[in-house]
Amino acid sequence: MRALIIDGPGSARVGVVEVPRPAAGQVVVDVHRVGICGTDGELLTGELAYFEQGKSRFPLRPGHEWCGVVGAVGAGADEAWLGARVTGDTMLGCGHCRRCRAGNGHVCADRHEIGITAWPGALADKVLVPAASLHRLPAAVDDRAGALVEPGGNAQRAAAAAQAGPGRRILVCGPGTIGLLAVAFARAAGAEVDVLAADPRRRDLAATFGAGRYWTAEDPPPGTYDAVIDCTGDHRVPASALALVEPAGRVVYIGVSPRPSPVDSRDLVLNDLTAVGILGASAGLATAIEHYADGRVRPGALVEVVVGLGLAAEALAGRIDPEPGVKVHIDPRL
């Protein structure tokens, strides 16, 4: 079968690899859609922090925002999965350590991350995954939305960490995919949500996801918020976000910068702030699917361009401009 392979920094190609065979408890999914995200770009450039930490290494096969149809099941996997439309968790814990037993497999020290560490990703004709990681997609969630469940799970967790709800005022920094979805999930929970961006280009798009005011670096918000969610990759934002949070408020960090982001802990202590870090979508996947299925969150406007696997390397390198949307999807069947 075909798969996208990153051989080294700046070098990606579509190659021919063996078709995966499901071992016990595993399934093989025929891939229908895969999203390209910022993490994939950092895998291509080699800037992802995981390379320095030894968690990622070349060559690798990316693709962690995906959906498809189960085409084969291994021994012990429920055959009812055959033919099911599914998406799946990116974070695969070992299943037996203390963290996994406590339901925190997404931070297991021995975890795999599909398409990010050594586990081959979904930018391919087929992807091998554990059956336990699967989530069924109802008919109301089409392939476009299905491949947006993973970023949606991240965004839902961020909105929940900000305690989004009626009467809450929340500022989302960064109108990328997760930022705009965080706006939508916070609005679905009843919060008032504003956006802070580097420039005005996504003002209209942010409004479609429920944003009230849209602030920019040249026209910043004049007041403070009950919570701020940092969805940027800008190393300056984590510290500057603290000045935008009400005392006794919350700041949620989900964006990751390629370089360290210094924060003065005195700003946290003297304002009695709660800081929360979000890694992965695991605990938010089911909720994201529910919100997509019943229409509380409509993610489809994020995808403007769909291309075949042959253009995946171009998309990964940012040479396919998705504006006015923010996401390129790959359909290996094209």
C-alpha atoms as a PDB file:
ATOM      1  CA  MET A   1       0.000   0.000   0.000  1.00  0.00           C
ATOM      2  CA  ARG A   2       0.982   3.671  -0.195  1.00  0.00           C
ATOM      3  CA  ALA A   3       2.056   5.736   2.810  1.00  0.00           C
ATOM      4  CA  LEU A   4       3.616   9.133   3.404  1.00  0.00           C
ATOM      5  CA  ILE A   5       7.127   8.799   4.817  1.00  0.00           C
ATOM      6  CA  ILE A   6       9.195  11.574   6.386  1.00  0.00           C
ATOM      7  CA  ASP A   7      12.832  10.529   5.894  1.00  0.00           C
ATOM      8  CA  GLY A   8      14.386  13.552   7.587  1.00  0.00           C
ATOM      9  CA  PRO A   9      13.931  17.297   8.107  1.00  0.00           C
ATOM     10  CA  GLY A  10      12.207  18.732   5.048  1.00  0.00           C
ATOM     11  CA  SER A  11      12.096  15.413   3.210  1.00  0.00           C
ATOM     12  CA  ALA A  12       8.724  13.695   2.716  1.00  0.00           C
ATOM     13  CA  ARG A  13       7.559  11.283   0.026  1.00  0.00           C
ATOM     14  CA  VAL A  14       4.843   8.781  -0.763  1.00  0.00           C
ATOM     15  CA  GLY A  15       6.319   5.292  -0.717  1.00  0.00           C
ATOM     16  CA  VAL A  16       5.144   1.707  -0.944  1.00  0.00           C
ATOM     17  CA  VAL A  17       5.038  -0.229   2.350  1.00  0.00           C
ATOM     18  CA  GLU A  18       3.652  -3.554   3.481  1.00  0.00           C
ATOM     19  CA  VAL A  19      -0.062  -3.778   4.216  1.00  0.00           C
ATOM     20  CA  PRO A  20      -0.443  -4.052   8.005  1.00  0.00           C
ATOM     21  CA  ARG A  21      -1.734  -7.305   9.469  1.00  0.00           C
ATOM     22  CA  PRO A  22      -3.757  -7.012  12.689  1.00  0.00           C
ATOM     23  CA  ALA A  23      -2.330  -8.850  15.687  1.00  0.00           C
ATOM     24  CA  ALA A  24      -4.444  -9.873  18.659  1.00  0.00           C
ATOM     25  CA  GLY A  25      -6.745  -7.041  19.718  1.00  0.00           C
ATOM     26  CA  GLN A  26      -5.916  -4.918  16.687  1.00  0.00           C
ATOM     27  CA  VAL A  27      -7.817  -3.811  13.585  1.00  0.00           C
ATOM     28  CA  VAL A  28      -6.843  -2.388  10.215  1.00  0.00           C
ATOM     29  CA  VAL A  29      -8.802   0.648   9.055  1.00  0.00           C
ATOM     30  CA  ASP A  30      -9.238   1.692   5.425  1.00  0.00           C
ATOM     31  CA  VAL A  31      -8.497   5.408   5.663  1.00  0.00           C
ATOM     32  CA  HIS A  32     -11.059   7.847   4.270  1.00  0.00           C
ATOM     33  CA  ARG A  33      -9.851  11.214   5.587  1.00  0.00           C
ATOM     34  CA  VAL A  34      -6.782  12.584   7.368  1.00  0.00           C
ATOM     35  CA  GLY A  35      -6.208  16.107   8.606  1.00  0.00           C
ATOM     36  CA  ILE A  36      -2.893  17.946   8.379  1.00  0.00           C
ATOM     37  CA  CYS A  37      -2.084  19.885  11.542  1.00  0.00           C
ATOM     38  CA  GLY A  38       0.690  21.974  13.041  1.00  0.00           C
ATOM     39  CA  THR A  39       2.252  18.948  14.728  1.00  0.00           C
ATOM     40  CA  ASP A  40       2.676  17.311  11.324  1.00  0.00           C
ATOM     41  CA  GLY A  41       4.460  20.421  10.084  1.00  0.00           C
ATOM     42  CA  GLU A  42       6.835  20.274  13.055  1.00  0.00           C
ATOM     43  CA  LEU A  43       7.475  16.604  12.332  1.00  0.00           C
ATOM     44  CA  LEU A  44       8.496  17.542   8.808  1.00  0.00           C
ATOM     45  CA  THR A  45      10.826  20.331   9.935  1.00  0.00           C
ATOM     46  CA  GLY A  46      12.171  18.361  12.881  1.00  0.00           C
ATOM     47  CA  GLU A  47      11.217  21.171  15.270  1.00  0.00           C
ATOM     48  CA  LEU A  48       8.863  19.084  17.399  1.00  0.00           C
ATOM     49  CA  ALA A  49      10.183  18.867  20.956  1.00  0.00           C
ATOM     50  CA  TYR A  50       9.757  15.091  20.852  1.00  0.00           C
ATOM     51  CA  PHE A  51      12.867  14.802  18.671  1.00  0.00           C
ATOM     52  CA  GLU A  52      15.044  16.347  21.386  1.00  0.00           C
ATOM     53  CA  GLN A  53      13.383  14.105  23.962  1.00  0.00           C
ATOM     54  CA  GLY A  54      14.008  10.972  21.895  1.00  0.00           C
ATOM     55  CA  LYS A  55      10.284  10.198  21.536  1.00  0.00           C
ATOM     56  CA  SER A  56      10.224  10.808  17.785  1.00  0.00           C
ATOM     57  CA  ARG A  57      12.864   9.864  15.258  1.00  0.00           C
ATOM     58  CA  PHE A  58      13.223   9.613  11.486  1.00  0.00           C
ATOM     59  CA  PRO A  59      12.020   7.965   9.373  1.00  0.00           C
ATOM     60  CA  LEU A  60       8.408   8.214  10.492  1.00  0.00           C
ATOM     61  CA  ARG A  61       4.923   7.983   9.057  1.00  0.00           C
ATOM     62  CA  PRO A  62       2.587  10.811  10.128  1.00  0.00           C
ATOM     63  CA  GLY A  63      -1.185  11.204  10.344  1.00  0.00           C
ATOM     64  CA  HIS A  64      -3.126  11.293  13.622  1.00  0.00           C
ATOM     65  CA  GLU A  65      -6.399  13.088  12.725  1.00  0.00           C
ATOM     66  CA  TRP A  66      -8.278  10.450  10.798  1.00  0.00           C
ATOM     67  CA  CYS A  67     -11.415   8.455  10.112  1.00  0.00           C
ATOM     68  CA  GLY A  68     -12.212   5.422   8.018  1.00  0.00           C
ATOM     69  CA  VAL A  69     -13.856   2.011   7.842  1.00  0.00           C
ATOM     70  CA  VAL A  70     -12.609  -1.118   9.602  1.00  0.00           C
ATOM     71  CA  GLY A  71     -11.493  -3.611   6.961  1.00  0.00           C
ATOM     72  CA  ALA A  72      -9.831  -6.365   9.028  1.00  0.00           C
ATOM     73  CA  VAL A  73      -9.788  -7.505  12.658  1.00  0.00           C
ATOM     74  CA  GLY A  74      -7.235  -9.536  14.561  1.00  0.00           C
ATOM     75  CA  ALA A  75      -7.770 -12.378  17.006  1.00  0.00           C
ATOM     76  CA  GLY A  76      -9.732 -11.330  20.065  1.00  0.00           C
ATOM     77  CA  ALA A  77     -11.072  -8.165  18.466  1.00  0.00           C
ATOM     78  CA  ASP A  78     -14.850  -8.006  18.173  1.00  0.00           C
ATOM     79  CA  GLU A  79     -15.815  -8.863  14.581  1.00  0.00           C
ATOM     80  CA  ALA A  80     -18.691  -6.393  14.935  1.00  0.00           C
ATOM     81  CA  TRP A  81     -16.088  -3.731  14.137  1.00  0.00           C
ATOM     82  CA  LEU A  82     -15.883  -4.973  10.541  1.00  0.00           C
ATOM     83  CA  GLY A  83     -17.404  -2.360   8.244  1.00  0.00           C
ATOM     84  CA  ALA A  84     -17.834   0.189  11.027  1.00  0.00           C
ATOM     85  CA  ARG A  85     -17.060   3.856  10.397  1.00  0.00           C
ATOM     86  CA  VAL A  86     -14.586   4.859  13.076  1.00  0.00           C
ATOM     87  CA  THR A  87     -12.008   7.259  14.344  1.00  0.00           C
ATOM     88  CA  GLY A  88      -9.523   6.533  17.100  1.00  0.00           C
ATOM     89  CA  ASP A  89      -7.400   7.799  19.937  1.00  0.00           C
ATOM     90  CA  THR A  90      -3.913   9.047  19.097  1.00  0.00           C
ATOM     91  CA  MET A  91      -2.508   8.264  22.556  1.00  0.00           C
ATOM     92  CA  LEU A  92      -1.916   4.558  23.154  1.00  0.00           C
ATOM     93  CA  GLY A  93      -0.834   3.779  26.707  1.00  0.00           C
ATOM     94  CA  CYS A  94       0.764   0.480  27.752  1.00  0.00           C
ATOM     95  CA  GLY A  95      -2.474  -0.476  29.524  1.00  0.00           C
ATOM     96  CA  HIS A  96      -0.961  -1.887  32.705  1.00  0.00           C
ATOM     97  CA  CYS A  97       1.025   0.847  34.485  1.00  0.00           C
ATOM     98  CA  ARG A  98      -0.353   2.937  37.345  1.00  0.00           C
ATOM     99  CA  ARG A  99      -1.222   5.840  35.027  1.00  0.00           C
ATOM    100  CA  CYS A 100      -3.094   3.640  32.578  1.00  0.00           C
ATOM    101  CA  ARG A 101      -4.982   1.875  35.365  1.00  0.00           C
ATOM    102  CA  ALA A 102      -6.038   5.302  36.670  1.00  0.00           C
ATOM    103  CA  GLY A 103      -7.440   6.219  33.246  1.00  0.00           C
ATOM    104  CA  ASN A 104      -4.506   8.425  32.315  1.00  0.00           C
ATOM    105  CA  GLY A 105      -3.046   6.375  29.491  1.00  0.00           C
ATOM    106  CA  HIS A 106      -2.496   9.561  27.479  1.00  0.00           C
ATOM    107  CA  VAL A 107       0.417  10.401  29.812  1.00  0.00           C
ATOM    108  CA  CYS A 108       1.742   6.843  30.114  1.00  0.00           C
ATOM    109  CA  ALA A 109       5.544   6.938  30.115  1.00  0.00           C
ATOM    110  CA  ASP A 110       5.585   4.082  27.594  1.00  0.00           C
ATOM    111  CA  ARG A 111       2.801   5.341  25.347  1.00  0.00           C
ATOM    112  CA  HIS A 112       2.774   5.338  21.570  1.00  0.00           C
ATOM    113  CA  GLU A 113       1.328   8.305  19.689  1.00  0.00           C
ATOM    114  CA  ILE A 114      -0.061   7.303  16.313  1.00  0.00           C
ATOM    115  CA  GLY A 115       1.698   9.147  13.505  1.00  0.00           C
ATOM    116  CA  ILE A 116       3.935  11.066  15.905  1.00  0.00           C
ATOM    117  CA  THR A 117       6.207   8.507  17.541  1.00  0.00           C
ATOM    118  CA  ALA A 118       7.132   5.090  16.143  1.00  0.00           C
ATOM    119  CA  TRP A 119       3.532   3.914  15.546  1.00  0.00           C
ATOM    120  CA  PRO A 120       2.782   4.374  11.793  1.00  0.00           C
ATOM    121  CA  GLY A 121       0.175   7.038  11.119  1.00  0.00           C
ATOM    122  CA  ALA A 122      -2.891   7.339   8.948  1.00  0.00           C
ATOM    123  CA  LEU A 123      -1.460   9.262   5.988  1.00  0.00           C
ATOM    124  CA  ALA A 124      -1.672   6.006   4.106  1.00  0.00           C
ATOM    125  CA  ASP A 125      -4.199   3.740   2.439  1.00  0.00           C
ATOM    126  CA  LYS A 126      -4.644   1.833   5.713  1.00  0.00           C
ATOM    127  CA  VAL A 127      -3.766   2.279   9.382  1.00  0.00           C
ATOM    128  CA  LEU A 128      -3.271  -0.334  12.095  1.00  0.00           C
ATOM    129  CA  VAL A 129      -4.748   0.526  15.529  1.00  0.00           C
ATOM    130  CA  PRO A 130      -5.823  -1.248  18.726  1.00  0.00           C
ATOM    131  CA  ALA A 131      -9.535  -2.029  18.748  1.00  0.00           C
ATOM    132  CA  ALA A 132      -9.701  -0.548  22.252  1.00  0.00           C
ATOM    133  CA  SER A 133      -8.760   2.867  20.845  1.00  0.00           C
ATOM    134  CA  LEU A 134     -11.694   3.044  18.415  1.00  0.00           C
ATOM    135  CA  HIS A 135     -14.761   5.272  18.535  1.00  0.00           C
ATOM    136  CA  ARG A 136     -17.755   4.633  16.281  1.00  0.00           C
ATOM    137  CA  LEU A 137     -18.954   7.490  14.119  1.00  0.00           C
ATOM    138  CA  PRO A 138     -22.719   7.918  13.763  1.00  0.00           C
ATOM    139  CA  ALA A 139     -24.159   8.653  10.345  1.00  0.00           C
ATOM    140  CA  ALA A 140     -24.644  12.299  11.314  1.00  0.00           C
ATOM    141  CA  VAL A 141     -20.851  12.702  11.520  1.00  0.00           C
ATOM    142  CA  ASP A 142     -19.538  12.697   7.952  1.00  0.00           C
ATOM    143  CA  ASP A 143     -15.940  11.980   6.971  1.00  0.00           C
ATOM    144  CA  ARG A 144     -14.973  15.645   7.123  1.00  0.00           C
ATOM    145  CA  ALA A 145     -16.188  15.922  10.710  1.00  0.00           C
ATOM    146  CA  GLY A 146     -14.873  12.443  11.523  1.00  0.00           C
ATOM    147  CA  ALA A 147     -11.314  13.520  10.762  1.00  0.00           C
ATOM    148  CA  LEU A 148     -11.855  16.561  12.995  1.00  0.00           C
ATOM    149  CA  VAL A 149     -12.775  14.535  16.086  1.00  0.00           C
ATOM    150  CA  GLU A 150      -9.174  14.427  17.337  1.00  0.00           C
ATOM    151  CA  PRO A 151      -8.660  18.227  17.333  1.00  0.00           C
ATOM    152  CA  GLY A 152     -12.227  18.514  18.606  1.00  0.00           C
ATOM    153  CA  GLY A 153     -11.385  16.337  21.596  1.00  0.00           C
ATOM    154  CA  ASN A 154      -8.446  18.599  22.397  1.00  0.00           C
ATOM    155  CA  ALA A 155     -10.633  21.688  22.087  1.00  0.00           C
ATOM    156  CA  GLN A 156     -13.395  20.199  24.229  1.00  0.00           C
ATOM    157  CA  ARG A 157     -10.911  19.416  26.993  1.00  0.00           C
ATOM    158  CA  ALA A 158      -9.558  22.973  26.814  1.00  0.00           C
ATOM    159  CA  ALA A 159     -13.040  24.491  27.048  1.00  0.00           C
ATOM    160  CA  ALA A 160     -13.884  22.219  29.983  1.00  0.00           C
ATOM    161  CA  ALA A 161     -10.629  23.169  31.733  1.00  0.00           C
ATOM    162  CA  ALA A 162     -11.625  26.821  31.329  1.00  0.00           C
ATOM    163  CA  GLN A 163     -14.885  25.895  33.087  1.00  0.00           C
ATOM    164  CA  ALA A 164     -16.923  27.173  30.162  1.00  0.00           C
ATOM    165  CA  GLY A 165     -20.538  27.741  31.102  1.00  0.00           C
ATOM    166  CA  PRO A 166     -23.270  30.375  31.427  1.00  0.00           C
ATOM    167  CA  GLY A 167     -21.983  33.666  32.774  1.00  0.00           C
ATOM    168  CA  ARG A 168     -18.344  32.845  32.034  1.00  0.00           C
ATOM    169  CA  ARG A 169     -16.258  35.143  29.809  1.00  0.00           C
ATOM    170  CA  ILE A 170     -13.481  33.341  27.967  1.00  0.00           C
ATOM    171  CA  LEU A 171     -10.721  34.584  25.680  1.00  0.00           C
ATOM    172  CA  VAL A 172      -9.242  32.167  23.131  1.00  0.00           C
ATOM    173  CA  CYS A 173      -5.784  33.133  21.883  1.00  0.00           C
ATOM    174  CA  GLY A 174      -5.088  31.824  18.387  1.00  0.00           C
ATOM    175  CA  PRO A 175      -7.828  31.154  15.791  1.00  0.00           C
ATOM    176  CA  GLY A 176      -6.326  27.983  14.365  1.00  0.00           C
ATOM    177  CA  THR A 177      -8.171  24.669  14.218  1.00  0.00           C
ATOM    178  CA  ILE A 178      -8.107  23.935  17.958  1.00  0.00           C
ATOM    179  CA  GLY A 179      -8.664  27.576  18.839  1.00  0.00           C
ATOM    180  CA  LEU A 180     -11.793  27.888  16.702  1.00  0.00           C
ATOM    181  CA  LEU A 181     -13.114  24.566  17.939  1.00  0.00           C
ATOM    182  CA  ALA A 182     -12.441  25.700  21.522  1.00  0.00           C
ATOM    183  CA  VAL A 183     -14.587  28.751  20.765  1.00  0.00           C
ATOM    184  CA  ALA A 184     -17.372  26.478  19.515  1.00  0.00           C
ATOM    185  CA  PHE A 185     -17.256  24.112  22.491  1.00  0.00           C
ATOM    186  CA  ALA A 186     -17.143  26.997  24.979  1.00  0.00           C
ATOM    187  CA  ARG A 187     -20.100  28.646  23.248  1.00  0.00           C
ATOM    188  CA  ALA A 188     -21.990  25.332  23.245  1.00  0.00           C
ATOM    189  CA  ALA A 189     -21.495  25.247  27.027  1.00  0.00           C
ATOM    190  CA  GLY A 190     -23.044  28.705  27.327  1.00  0.00           C
ATOM    191  CA  ALA A 191     -19.969  30.908  27.745  1.00  0.00           C
ATOM    192  CA  GLU A 192     -19.305  34.260  26.081  1.00  0.00           C
ATOM    193  CA  VAL A 193     -16.168  33.886  23.980  1.00  0.00           C
ATOM    194  CA  ASP A 194     -13.809  36.389  22.386  1.00  0.00           C
ATOM    195  CA  VAL A 195     -10.766  35.709  20.205  1.00  0.00           C
ATOM    196  CA  LEU A 196      -7.314  37.285  20.252  1.00  0.00           C
ATOM    197  CA  ALA A 197      -5.317  36.840  17.045  1.00  0.00           C
ATOM    198  CA  ALA A 198      -2.131  38.132  15.477  1.00  0.00           C
ATOM    199  CA  ASP A 199      -4.079  39.693  12.596  1.00  0.00           C
ATOM    200  CA  PRO A 200      -7.676  40.120  11.370  1.00  0.00           C
ATOM    201  CA  ARG A 201      -7.643  37.479   8.606  1.00  0.00           C
ATOM    202  CA  ARG A 202      -9.875  34.983  10.400  1.00  0.00           C
ATOM    203  CA  ARG A 203     -12.345  37.432  11.890  1.00  0.00           C
ATOM    204  CA  ASP A 204     -15.281  36.205   9.775  1.00  0.00           C
ATOM    205  CA  LEU A 205     -14.403  32.539  10.263  1.00  0.00           C
ATOM    206  CA  ALA A 206     -14.184  33.024  14.036  1.00  0.00           C
ATOM    207  CA  ALA A 207     -17.638  34.575  14.015  1.00  0.00           C
ATOM    208  CA  THR A 208     -19.088  31.458  12.371  1.00  0.00           C
ATOM    209  CA  PHE A 209     -17.800  29.425  15.324  1.00  0.00           C
ATOM    210  CA  GLY A 210     -19.469  31.733  17.841  1.00  0.00           C
ATOM    211  CA  ALA A 211     -16.810  34.316  18.663  1.00  0.00           C
ATOM    212  CA  GLY A 212     -18.142  37.644  19.934  1.00  0.00           C
ATOM    213  CA  ARG A 213     -15.350  40.211  19.777  1.00  0.00           C
ATOM    214  CA  TYR A 214     -12.254  39.580  17.683  1.00  0.00           C
ATOM    215  CA  TRP A 215      -9.166  41.338  19.006  1.00  0.00           C
ATOM    216  CA  THR A 216      -5.741  41.624  17.395  1.00  0.00           C
ATOM    217  CA  ALA A 217      -2.225  42.426  18.552  1.00  0.00           C
ATOM    218  CA  GLU A 218      -2.752  46.003  17.365  1.00  0.00           C
ATOM    219  CA  ASP A 219      -6.181  46.234  19.029  1.00  0.00           C
ATOM    220  CA  PRO A 220      -5.945  44.071  22.195  1.00  0.00           C
ATOM    221  CA  PRO A 221      -8.829  43.479  24.599  1.00  0.00           C
ATOM    222  CA  PRO A 222      -9.187  46.297  27.161  1.00  0.00           C
ATOM    223  CA  GLY A 223     -10.217  44.110  30.096  1.00  0.00           C
ATOM    224  CA  THR A 224      -9.787  40.702  31.681  1.00  0.00           C
ATOM    225  CA  TYR A 225     -11.580  37.371  31.377  1.00  0.00           C
ATOM    226  CA  ASP A 226     -12.622  34.574  33.706  1.00  0.00           C
ATOM    227  CA  ALA A 227     -10.397  32.264  31.684  1.00  0.00           C
ATOM    228  CA  VAL A 228      -7.892  32.460  28.842  1.00  0.00           C
ATOM    229  CA  ILE A 229      -7.107  29.523  26.545  1.00  0.00           C
ATOM    230  CA  ASP A 230      -3.736  29.717  24.762  1.00  0.00           C
ATOM    231  CA  CYS A 231      -4.004  27.806  21.482  1.00  0.00           C
ATOM    232  CA  THR A 232      -0.990  29.465  19.861  1.00  0.00           C
ATOM    233  CA  GLY A 233       2.512  28.213  19.234  1.00  0.00           C
ATOM    234  CA  ASP A 234       3.969  31.603  20.196  1.00  0.00           C
ATOM    235  CA  HIS A 235       6.424  31.390  23.096  1.00  0.00           C
ATOM    236  CA  ARG A 236       5.461  34.900  24.222  1.00  0.00           C
ATOM    237  CA  VAL A 237       1.771  34.203  24.754  1.00  0.00           C
ATOM    238  CA  PRO A 238       1.842  32.003  27.902  1.00  0.00           C
ATOM    239  CA  ALA A 239       3.263  34.859  29.960  1.00  0.00           C
ATOM    240  CA  SER A 240       1.238  37.645  28.362  1.00  0.00           C
ATOM    241  CA  ALA A 241      -1.984  35.649  28.775  1.00  0.00           C
ATOM    242  CA  LEU A 242      -1.701  35.941  32.546  1.00  0.00           C
ATOM    243  CA  ALA A 243      -2.356  39.677  32.367  1.00  0.00           C
ATOM    244  CA  LEU A 244      -5.681  38.961  30.653  1.00  0.00           C
ATOM    245  CA  VAL A 245      -7.050  36.669  33.367  1.00  0.00           C
ATOM    246  CA  GLU A 246      -9.226  37.871  36.237  1.00  0.00           C
ATOM    247  CA  PRO A 247      -7.768  37.240  39.713  1.00  0.00           C
ATOM    248  CA  ALA A 248      -8.842  33.767  40.863  1.00  0.00           C
ATOM    249  CA  GLY A 249      -9.383  32.886  37.175  1.00  0.00           C
ATOM    250  CA  ARG A 250      -7.963  30.119  35.006  1.00  0.00           C
ATOM    251  CA  VAL A 251      -5.446  29.971  32.181  1.00  0.00           C
ATOM    252  CA  VAL A 252      -5.401  26.913  29.943  1.00  0.00           C
ATOM    253  CA  TYR A 253      -2.324  26.028  27.904  1.00  0.00           C
ATOM    254  CA  ILE A 254      -2.813  23.749  24.911  1.00  0.00           C
ATOM    255  CA  GLY A 255      -0.560  25.410  22.321  1.00  0.00           C
ATOM    256  CA  VAL A 256       3.078  24.294  22.306  1.00  0.00           C
ATOM    257  CA  SER A 257       5.923  26.506  21.144  1.00  0.00           C
ATOM    258  CA  PRO A 258       9.061  25.090  19.506  1.00  0.00           C
ATOM    259  CA  ARG A 259      11.040  27.080  22.105  1.00  0.00           C
ATOM    260  CA  PRO A 260      10.608  27.493  25.893  1.00  0.00           C
ATOM    261  CA  SER A 261       7.806  29.774  27.097  1.00  0.00           C
ATOM    262  CA  PRO A 262       8.863  31.461  30.366  1.00  0.00           C
ATOM    263  CA  VAL A 263       6.105  32.218  32.890  1.00  0.00           C
ATOM    264  CA  ASP A 264       6.624  34.214  36.095  1.00  0.00           C
ATOM    265  CA  SER A 265       5.068  32.108  38.859  1.00  0.00           C
ATOM    266  CA  ARG A 266       4.535  35.273  40.900  1.00  0.00           C
ATOM    267  CA  ASP A 267       1.807  36.255  38.447  1.00  0.00           C
ATOM    268  CA  LEU A 268       0.065  32.990  39.236  1.00  0.00           C
ATOM    269  CA  VAL A 269       0.491  33.175  43.002  1.00  0.00           C
ATOM    270  CA  LEU A 270      -0.306  36.835  43.572  1.00  0.00           C
ATOM    271  CA  ASN A 271      -3.466  36.604  41.451  1.00  0.00           C
ATOM    272  CA  ASP A 272      -4.509  33.198  42.798  1.00  0.00           C
ATOM    273  CA  LEU A 273      -4.678  31.803  39.259  1.00  0.00           C
ATOM    274  CA  THR A 274      -5.153  28.192  38.212  1.00  0.00           C
ATOM    275  CA  ALA A 275      -2.999  27.069  35.280  1.00  0.00           C
ATOM    276  CA  VAL A 276      -3.950  23.906  33.384  1.00  0.00           C
ATOM    277  CA  GLY A 277      -2.017  22.077  30.676  1.00  0.00           C
ATOM    278  CA  ILE A 278      -3.824  19.960  28.088  1.00  0.00           C
ATOM    279  CA  LEU A 279      -2.105  17.054  26.322  1.00  0.00           C
ATOM    280  CA  GLY A 280      -4.132  15.033  23.871  1.00  0.00           C
ATOM    281  CA  ALA A 281      -7.765  14.465  23.050  1.00  0.00           C
ATOM    282  CA  SER A 282      -8.341  11.101  24.730  1.00  0.00           C
ATOM    283  CA  ALA A 283     -10.868  12.154  27.381  1.00  0.00           C
ATOM    284  CA  GLY A 284     -12.660  14.488  24.960  1.00  0.00           C
ATOM    285  CA  LEU A 285     -13.191  12.243  21.941  1.00  0.00           C
ATOM    286  CA  ALA A 286     -16.587  10.804  22.889  1.00  0.00           C
ATOM    287  CA  THR A 287     -17.920  14.233  23.852  1.00  0.00           C
ATOM    288  CA  ALA A 288     -16.654  15.746  20.607  1.00  0.00           C
ATOM    289  CA  ILE A 289     -18.463  13.073  18.593  1.00  0.00           C
ATOM    290  CA  GLU A 290     -21.681  13.727  20.534  1.00  0.00           C
ATOM    291  CA  HIS A 291     -21.459  17.477  19.921  1.00  0.00           C
ATOM    292  CA  TYR A 292     -20.798  16.949  16.216  1.00  0.00           C
ATOM    293  CA  ALA A 293     -23.620  14.430  15.871  1.00  0.00           C
ATOM    294  CA  ASP A 294     -26.306  16.602  17.466  1.00  0.00           C
ATOM    295  CA  GLY A 295     -25.126  19.832  15.848  1.00  0.00           C
ATOM    296  CA  ARG A 296     -24.025  21.679  18.964  1.00  0.00           C
ATOM    297  CA  VAL A 297     -20.636  22.068  17.272  1.00  0.00           C
ATOM    298  CA  ARG A 298     -20.336  22.183  13.480  1.00  0.00           C
ATOM    299  CA  PRO A 299     -16.674  21.782  12.510  1.00  0.00           C
ATOM    300  CA  GLY A 300     -17.001  21.513   8.739  1.00  0.00           C
ATOM    301  CA  ALA A 301     -16.140  25.138   7.951  1.00  0.00           C
ATOM    302  CA  LEU A 302     -12.553  24.389   8.964  1.00  0.00           C
ATOM    303  CA  VAL A 303     -11.927  22.306   5.849  1.00  0.00           C
ATOM    304  CA  GLU A 304     -11.677  24.071   2.504  1.00  0.00           C
ATOM    305  CA  VAL A 305      -9.276  21.811   0.606  1.00  0.00           C
ATOM    306  CA  VAL A 306      -9.337  18.037   0.093  1.00  0.00           C
ATOM    307  CA  VAL A 307      -6.575  16.405  -1.965  1.00  0.00           C
ATOM    308  CA  GLY A 308      -5.260  12.923  -2.597  1.00  0.00           C
ATOM    309  CA  LEU A 309      -2.351  11.200  -0.882  1.00  0.00           C
ATOM    310  CA  GLY A 310      -0.062  12.163  -3.751  1.00  0.00           C
ATOM    311  CA  LEU A 311      -0.215  15.790  -2.573  1.00  0.00           C
ATOM    312  CA  ALA A 312       0.236  15.004   1.117  1.00  0.00           C
ATOM    313  CA  ALA A 313       3.898  16.063   1.147  1.00  0.00           C
ATOM    314  CA  GLU A 314       2.956  19.402  -0.418  1.00  0.00           C
ATOM    315  CA  ALA A 315       0.237  19.879   2.192  1.00  0.00           C
ATOM    316  CA  LEU A 316       2.609  18.976   5.017  1.00  0.00           C
ATOM    317  CA  ALA A 317       5.096  21.570   3.798  1.00  0.00           C
ATOM    318  CA  GLY A 318       2.397  24.262   3.775  1.00  0.00           C
ATOM    319  CA  ARG A 319       2.464  24.679  -0.001  1.00  0.00           C
ATOM    320  CA  ILE A 320      -1.290  24.151  -0.356  1.00  0.00           C
ATOM    321  CA  ASP A 321      -3.011  27.288   0.938  1.00  0.00           C
ATOM    322  CA  PRO A 322      -6.287  26.377   2.676  1.00  0.00           C
ATOM    323  CA  GLU A 323      -7.567  29.927   3.207  1.00  0.00           C
ATOM    324  CA  PRO A 324     -10.258  30.960   3.997  1.00  0.00           C
ATOM    325  CA  GLY A 325     -10.423  27.731   5.995  1.00  0.00           C
ATOM    326  CA  VAL A 326      -7.541  26.536   8.150  1.00  0.00           C
ATOM    327  CA  LYS A 327      -7.293  22.844   7.376  1.00  0.00           C
ATOM    328  CA  VAL A 328      -6.227  20.607   4.492  1.00  0.00           C
ATOM    329  CA  HIS A 329      -7.637  17.096   4.405  1.00  0.00           C
ATOM    330  CA  ILE A 330      -6.153  14.126   2.598  1.00  0.00           C
ATOM    331  CA  ASP A 331      -8.415  11.475   1.069  1.00  0.00           C
ATOM    332  CA  PRO A 332      -6.248   8.498   0.009  1.00  0.00           C
ATOM    333  CA  ARG A 333      -9.075   7.274  -2.245  1.00  0.00           C
ATOM    334  CA  LEU A 334      -8.736  10.289  -4.595  1.00  0.00           C
END
